[in-house]
Amino acid sequence: MLIPYLIGSLLLSVLVGVGMALLVAPGVYIAVRYQFMPYLIVDRGMKPLEAFKAAGELTRGSWMNLFLFLLCLVGINFLGTIPLGLGLLITVPVAFIAHARVYRDLSPGQ
């Protein structure tokens, strides 16, 4: 399961990087649309390309809400950097838990 996860995560990072290099909007779109791909590899044992397709289906119709959610997480983590970065010890784990919770809420049968 580790190898498919690493391959999928690397592929997602490359796609987001290329999208950001082309213009910010494609990179943001790809990042939001396929953000749950690593969860699908670990949770359901999917192969990377299957997980990309499933992640696209999972986020269908929720793109704007997910974008705003991620924007809130970025804002919360930014606030965590203000007290010499020590706030990140709290905000980063909270952000990861919130992100996993959204995945569980969007996943059918969870």
N, C-alpha and C. Protein backbone atom coordinates (compact mmCIF):
# COMPACT_ATOMS: atom_id res chain seq x y z
N MET A 1 0.83 -1.19 0.00
CA MET A 1 0.00 0.00 0.00
C MET A 1 0.87 1.26 0.00
N LEU A 2 2.08 1.17 0.52
CA LEU A 2 2.96 2.33 0.59
C LEU A 2 3.40 2.79 -0.80
N ILE A 3 3.75 1.85 -1.66
CA ILE A 3 4.23 2.21 -3.00
C ILE A 3 3.14 2.91 -3.81
N PRO A 4 1.90 2.37 -3.88
CA PRO A 4 0.85 3.11 -4.61
C PRO A 4 0.59 4.49 -4.01
N TYR A 5 0.66 4.60 -2.69
CA TYR A 5 0.46 5.90 -2.03
C TYR A 5 1.54 6.88 -2.47
N LEU A 6 2.79 6.44 -2.46
CA LEU A 6 3.89 7.32 -2.86
C LEU A 6 3.79 7.71 -4.33
N ILE A 7 3.45 6.75 -5.19
CA ILE A 7 3.29 7.04 -6.62
C ILE A 7 2.16 8.04 -6.84
N GLY A 8 1.02 7.79 -6.20
CA GLY A 8 -0.13 8.69 -6.35
C GLY A 8 0.16 10.08 -5.82
N SER A 9 0.81 10.17 -4.67
CA SER A 9 1.14 11.48 -4.09
C SER A 9 2.13 12.23 -4.97
N LEU A 10 3.11 11.52 -5.51
CA LEU A 10 4.08 12.15 -6.41
C LEU A 10 3.39 12.65 -7.67
N LEU A 11 2.50 11.84 -8.23
CA LEU A 11 1.77 12.23 -9.43
C LEU A 11 0.89 13.46 -9.16
N LEU A 12 0.21 13.47 -8.02
CA LEU A 12 -0.62 14.62 -7.66
C LEU A 12 0.24 15.87 -7.50
N SER A 13 1.38 15.75 -6.85
CA SER A 13 2.28 16.89 -6.66
C SER A 13 2.77 17.44 -8.00
N VAL A 14 3.12 16.55 -8.91
CA VAL A 14 3.58 16.98 -10.23
C VAL A 14 2.45 17.70 -10.97
N LEU A 15 1.25 17.14 -10.95
CA LEU A 15 0.11 17.77 -11.63
C LEU A 15 -0.19 19.15 -11.06
N VAL A 16 -0.19 19.27 -9.74
CA VAL A 16 -0.45 20.57 -9.11
C VAL A 16 0.67 21.54 -9.46
N GLY A 17 1.92 21.08 -9.43
CA GLY A 17 3.05 21.93 -9.78
C GLY A 17 2.98 22.43 -11.21
N VAL A 18 2.65 21.54 -12.14
CA VAL A 18 2.50 21.94 -13.54
C VAL A 18 1.35 22.93 -13.68
N GLY A 19 0.24 22.65 -13.01
CA GLY A 19 -0.90 23.57 -13.05
C GLY A 19 -0.55 24.93 -12.50
N MET A 20 0.23 24.97 -11.43
CA MET A 20 0.66 26.25 -10.85
C MET A 20 1.62 26.97 -11.79
N ALA A 21 2.48 26.21 -12.48
CA ALA A 21 3.43 26.82 -13.41
C ALA A 21 2.71 27.43 -14.61
N LEU A 22 1.67 26.75 -15.08
CA LEU A 22 0.92 27.27 -16.22
C LEU A 22 0.16 28.54 -15.85
N LEU A 23 -0.44 28.49 -14.71
CA LEU A 23 -1.22 29.59 -14.18
C LEU A 23 -1.72 29.10 -12.84
N VAL A 24 -1.98 29.97 -11.94
CA VAL A 24 -2.39 29.55 -10.60
C VAL A 24 -3.72 28.80 -10.63
N ALA A 25 -4.66 29.24 -11.42
CA ALA A 25 -6.01 28.65 -11.42
C ALA A 25 -6.02 27.14 -11.72
N PRO A 26 -5.30 26.65 -12.75
CA PRO A 26 -5.32 25.20 -12.98
C PRO A 26 -4.73 24.41 -11.81
N GLY A 27 -3.69 24.94 -11.19
CA GLY A 27 -3.09 24.26 -10.05
C GLY A 27 -4.03 24.18 -8.87
N VAL A 28 -4.74 25.27 -8.61
CA VAL A 28 -5.70 25.29 -7.51
C VAL A 28 -6.84 24.33 -7.82
N TYR A 29 -7.32 24.34 -9.05
CA TYR A 29 -8.41 23.44 -9.44
C TYR A 29 -8.01 21.98 -9.22
N ILE A 30 -6.82 21.62 -9.70
CA ILE A 30 -6.35 20.23 -9.56
C ILE A 30 -6.19 19.86 -8.09
N ALA A 31 -5.61 20.77 -7.31
CA ALA A 31 -5.38 20.50 -5.88
C ALA A 31 -6.70 20.25 -5.15
N VAL A 32 -7.71 21.07 -5.44
CA VAL A 32 -9.00 20.93 -4.77
C VAL A 32 -9.73 19.69 -5.29
N ARG A 33 -9.73 19.51 -6.59
CA ARG A 33 -10.49 18.41 -7.20
C ARG A 33 -9.99 17.02 -6.77
N TYR A 34 -8.67 16.88 -6.63
CA TYR A 34 -8.09 15.57 -6.37
C TYR A 34 -7.45 15.45 -4.99
N GLN A 35 -7.83 16.31 -4.06
CA GLN A 35 -7.21 16.34 -2.74
C GLN A 35 -7.38 15.05 -1.94
N PHE A 36 -8.40 14.28 -2.21
CA PHE A 36 -8.66 13.08 -1.42
C PHE A 36 -8.05 11.82 -2.03
N MET A 37 -7.28 11.97 -3.09
CA MET A 37 -6.66 10.82 -3.75
C MET A 37 -5.80 10.00 -2.79
N PRO A 38 -4.94 10.60 -1.96
CA PRO A 38 -4.14 9.78 -1.03
C PRO A 38 -5.01 9.00 -0.03
N TYR A 39 -6.09 9.60 0.43
CA TYR A 39 -6.99 8.90 1.35
C TYR A 39 -7.59 7.67 0.69
N LEU A 40 -7.97 7.79 -0.57
CA LEU A 40 -8.58 6.67 -1.29
C LEU A 40 -7.60 5.52 -1.48
N ILE A 41 -6.33 5.84 -1.69
CA ILE A 41 -5.32 4.78 -1.83
C ILE A 41 -5.18 4.03 -0.52
N VAL A 42 -5.11 4.77 0.59
CA VAL A 42 -4.91 4.13 1.89
C VAL A 42 -6.19 3.47 2.39
N ASP A 43 -7.32 4.18 2.29
CA ASP A 43 -8.58 3.70 2.85
C ASP A 43 -9.17 2.54 2.06
N ARG A 44 -9.12 2.63 0.74
CA ARG A 44 -9.78 1.62 -0.09
C ARG A 44 -8.81 0.75 -0.88
N GLY A 45 -7.52 0.98 -0.71
CA GLY A 45 -6.53 0.16 -1.40
C GLY A 45 -6.54 0.30 -2.91
N MET A 46 -6.92 1.48 -3.40
CA MET A 46 -6.98 1.70 -4.85
C MET A 46 -5.58 1.94 -5.42
N LYS A 47 -5.47 1.72 -6.71
CA LYS A 47 -4.25 2.07 -7.44
C LYS A 47 -4.32 3.57 -7.73
N PRO A 48 -3.17 4.23 -7.96
CA PRO A 48 -3.17 5.69 -8.12
C PRO A 48 -4.15 6.23 -9.17
N LEU A 49 -4.20 5.64 -10.36
CA LEU A 49 -5.10 6.16 -11.38
C LEU A 49 -6.57 5.94 -11.01
N GLU A 50 -6.88 4.82 -10.38
CA GLU A 50 -8.25 4.58 -9.90
C GLU A 50 -8.61 5.62 -8.84
N ALA A 51 -7.65 5.93 -7.98
CA ALA A 51 -7.90 6.89 -6.91
C ALA A 51 -8.13 8.29 -7.47
N PHE A 52 -7.41 8.66 -8.54
CA PHE A 52 -7.66 9.96 -9.17
C PHE A 52 -9.09 10.04 -9.68
N LYS A 53 -9.53 9.00 -10.36
CA LYS A 53 -10.89 8.99 -10.90
C LYS A 53 -11.91 9.06 -9.77
N ALA A 54 -11.70 8.26 -8.72
CA ALA A 54 -12.63 8.25 -7.59
C ALA A 54 -12.62 9.59 -6.85
N ALA A 55 -11.46 10.21 -6.74
CA ALA A 55 -11.38 11.52 -6.07
C ALA A 55 -12.14 12.57 -6.86
N GLY A 56 -12.05 12.50 -8.18
CA GLY A 56 -12.81 13.42 -9.02
C GLY A 56 -14.31 13.25 -8.82
N GLU A 57 -14.75 12.00 -8.72
CA GLU A 57 -16.17 11.73 -8.48
C GLU A 57 -16.59 12.18 -7.08
N LEU A 58 -15.71 11.97 -6.11
CA LEU A 58 -16.02 12.31 -4.72
C LEU A 58 -16.23 13.81 -4.53
N THR A 59 -15.46 14.61 -5.27
CA THR A 59 -15.53 16.06 -5.10
C THR A 59 -16.50 16.73 -6.08
N ARG A 60 -17.09 15.94 -6.97
CA ARG A 60 -18.02 16.50 -7.96
C ARG A 60 -19.17 17.23 -7.26
N GLY A 61 -19.43 18.45 -7.69
CA GLY A 61 -20.53 19.24 -7.14
C GLY A 61 -20.20 19.94 -5.83
N SER A 62 -19.01 19.72 -5.31
CA SER A 62 -18.62 20.34 -4.03
C SER A 62 -17.37 21.18 -4.15
N TRP A 63 -16.95 21.48 -5.39
CA TRP A 63 -15.66 22.13 -5.59
C TRP A 63 -15.56 23.44 -4.81
N MET A 64 -16.54 24.31 -4.94
CA MET A 64 -16.46 25.62 -4.29
C MET A 64 -16.45 25.49 -2.77
N ASN A 65 -17.29 24.62 -2.23
CA ASN A 65 -17.28 24.41 -0.77
C ASN A 65 -15.94 23.87 -0.30
N LEU A 66 -15.36 22.94 -1.05
CA LEU A 66 -14.06 22.39 -0.68
C LEU A 66 -12.96 23.44 -0.81
N PHE A 67 -13.05 24.27 -1.84
CA PHE A 67 -12.08 25.36 -2.00
C PHE A 67 -12.13 26.30 -0.81
N LEU A 68 -13.33 26.69 -0.41
CA LEU A 68 -13.48 27.59 0.75
C LEU A 68 -13.00 26.92 2.03
N PHE A 69 -13.27 25.63 2.17
CA PHE A 69 -12.79 24.87 3.33
C PHE A 69 -11.27 24.89 3.39
N LEU A 70 -10.62 24.60 2.25
CA LEU A 70 -9.15 24.61 2.23
C LEU A 70 -8.60 26.01 2.47
N LEU A 71 -9.30 27.01 1.97
CA LEU A 71 -8.89 28.40 2.22
C LEU A 71 -8.95 28.71 3.72
N CYS A 72 -9.98 28.22 4.39
CA CYS A 72 -10.08 28.39 5.85
C CYS A 72 -8.93 27.67 6.56
N LEU A 73 -8.60 26.46 6.12
CA LEU A 73 -7.48 25.74 6.73
C LEU A 73 -6.17 26.48 6.55
N VAL A 74 -5.97 27.05 5.37
CA VAL A 74 -4.75 27.84 5.13
C VAL A 74 -4.73 29.05 6.06
N GLY A 75 -5.87 29.71 6.21
CA GLY A 75 -5.95 30.86 7.12
C GLY A 75 -5.67 30.49 8.56
N ILE A 76 -6.23 29.38 9.00
CA ILE A 76 -6.00 28.92 10.38
C ILE A 76 -4.53 28.59 10.58
N ASN A 77 -3.92 27.90 9.62
CA ASN A 77 -2.50 27.57 9.75
C ASN A 77 -1.63 28.83 9.67
N PHE A 78 -2.05 29.81 8.89
CA PHE A 78 -1.32 31.07 8.85
C PHE A 78 -1.34 31.74 10.22
N LEU A 79 -2.51 31.73 10.86
CA LEU A 79 -2.59 32.30 12.21
C LEU A 79 -1.71 31.54 13.18
N GLY A 80 -1.54 30.25 12.94
CA GLY A 80 -0.67 29.44 13.79
C GLY A 80 0.79 29.82 13.69
N THR A 81 1.17 30.50 12.61
CA THR A 81 2.57 30.91 12.46
C THR A 81 2.88 32.18 13.22
N ILE A 82 1.86 32.93 13.62
CA ILE A 82 2.09 34.23 14.26
C ILE A 82 2.88 34.09 15.56
N PRO A 83 2.51 33.21 16.49
CA PRO A 83 3.31 33.12 17.73
C PRO A 83 4.58 32.29 17.52
N LEU A 84 5.50 32.82 16.70
CA LEU A 84 6.79 32.17 16.42
C LEU A 84 6.63 30.77 15.84
N GLY A 85 5.53 30.52 15.19
CA GLY A 85 5.29 29.23 14.57
C GLY A 85 4.84 28.15 15.53
N LEU A 86 4.81 28.46 16.82
CA LEU A 86 4.43 27.45 17.80
C LEU A 86 2.96 27.06 17.70
N GLY A 87 2.14 27.97 17.23
CA GLY A 87 0.72 27.67 17.06
C GLY A 87 0.48 26.55 16.06
N LEU A 88 1.46 26.33 15.17
CA LEU A 88 1.32 25.25 14.19
C LEU A 88 1.27 23.89 14.85
N LEU A 89 1.81 23.78 16.06
CA LEU A 89 1.74 22.52 16.79
C LEU A 89 0.30 22.14 17.09
N ILE A 90 -0.57 23.13 17.11
CA ILE A 90 -2.00 22.89 17.33
C ILE A 90 -2.77 22.93 16.02
N THR A 91 -2.51 23.95 15.19
CA THR A 91 -3.34 24.15 14.00
C THR A 91 -3.13 23.09 12.93
N VAL A 92 -1.91 22.59 12.75
CA VAL A 92 -1.68 21.58 11.70
C VAL A 92 -2.40 20.27 12.02
N PRO A 93 -2.27 19.72 13.24
CA PRO A 93 -3.04 18.50 13.53
C PRO A 93 -4.56 18.71 13.41
N VAL A 94 -5.04 19.86 13.85
CA VAL A 94 -6.48 20.15 13.74
C VAL A 94 -6.88 20.20 12.27
N ALA A 95 -6.05 20.80 11.42
CA ALA A 95 -6.34 20.88 9.99
C ALA A 95 -6.37 19.49 9.36
N PHE A 96 -5.42 18.63 9.72
CA PHE A 96 -5.41 17.27 9.18
C PHE A 96 -6.64 16.49 9.62
N ILE A 97 -7.03 16.64 10.87
CA ILE A 97 -8.22 15.94 11.37
C ILE A 97 -9.47 16.45 10.67
N ALA A 98 -9.57 17.77 10.49
CA ALA A 98 -10.73 18.34 9.80
C ALA A 98 -10.78 17.86 8.35
N HIS A 99 -9.63 17.80 7.70
CA HIS A 99 -9.57 17.34 6.31
C HIS A 99 -10.01 15.88 6.20
N ALA A 100 -9.53 15.05 7.13
CA ALA A 100 -9.93 13.64 7.13
C ALA A 100 -11.43 13.50 7.41
N ARG A 101 -11.96 14.36 8.26
CA ARG A 101 -13.39 14.31 8.58
C ARG A 101 -14.23 14.66 7.34
N VAL A 102 -13.80 15.65 6.58
CA VAL A 102 -14.51 16.01 5.36
C VAL A 102 -14.48 14.84 4.38
N TYR A 103 -13.34 14.17 4.28
CA TYR A 103 -13.25 12.98 3.42
C TYR A 103 -14.27 11.93 3.86
N ARG A 104 -14.34 11.67 5.15
CA ARG A 104 -15.29 10.66 5.66
C ARG A 104 -16.73 11.08 5.38
N ASP A 105 -17.02 12.37 5.52
CA ASP A 105 -18.38 12.85 5.27
C ASP A 105 -18.76 12.71 3.79
N LEU A 106 -17.80 12.93 2.90
CA LEU A 106 -18.09 12.83 1.47
C LEU A 106 -18.10 11.40 0.96
N SER A 107 -17.42 10.50 1.66
CA SER A 107 -17.31 9.11 1.21
C SER A 107 -18.64 8.38 1.40
N PRO A 108 -19.09 7.68 0.36
CA PRO A 108 -20.33 6.92 0.51
C PRO A 108 -20.14 5.74 1.45
N GLY A 109 -21.13 5.49 2.26
CA GLY A 109 -21.10 4.34 3.16
C GLY A 109 -20.23 4.52 4.38
N GLN A 110 -19.88 5.74 4.70
CA GLN A 110 -19.01 5.97 5.87
C GLN A 110 -19.83 6.47 7.03
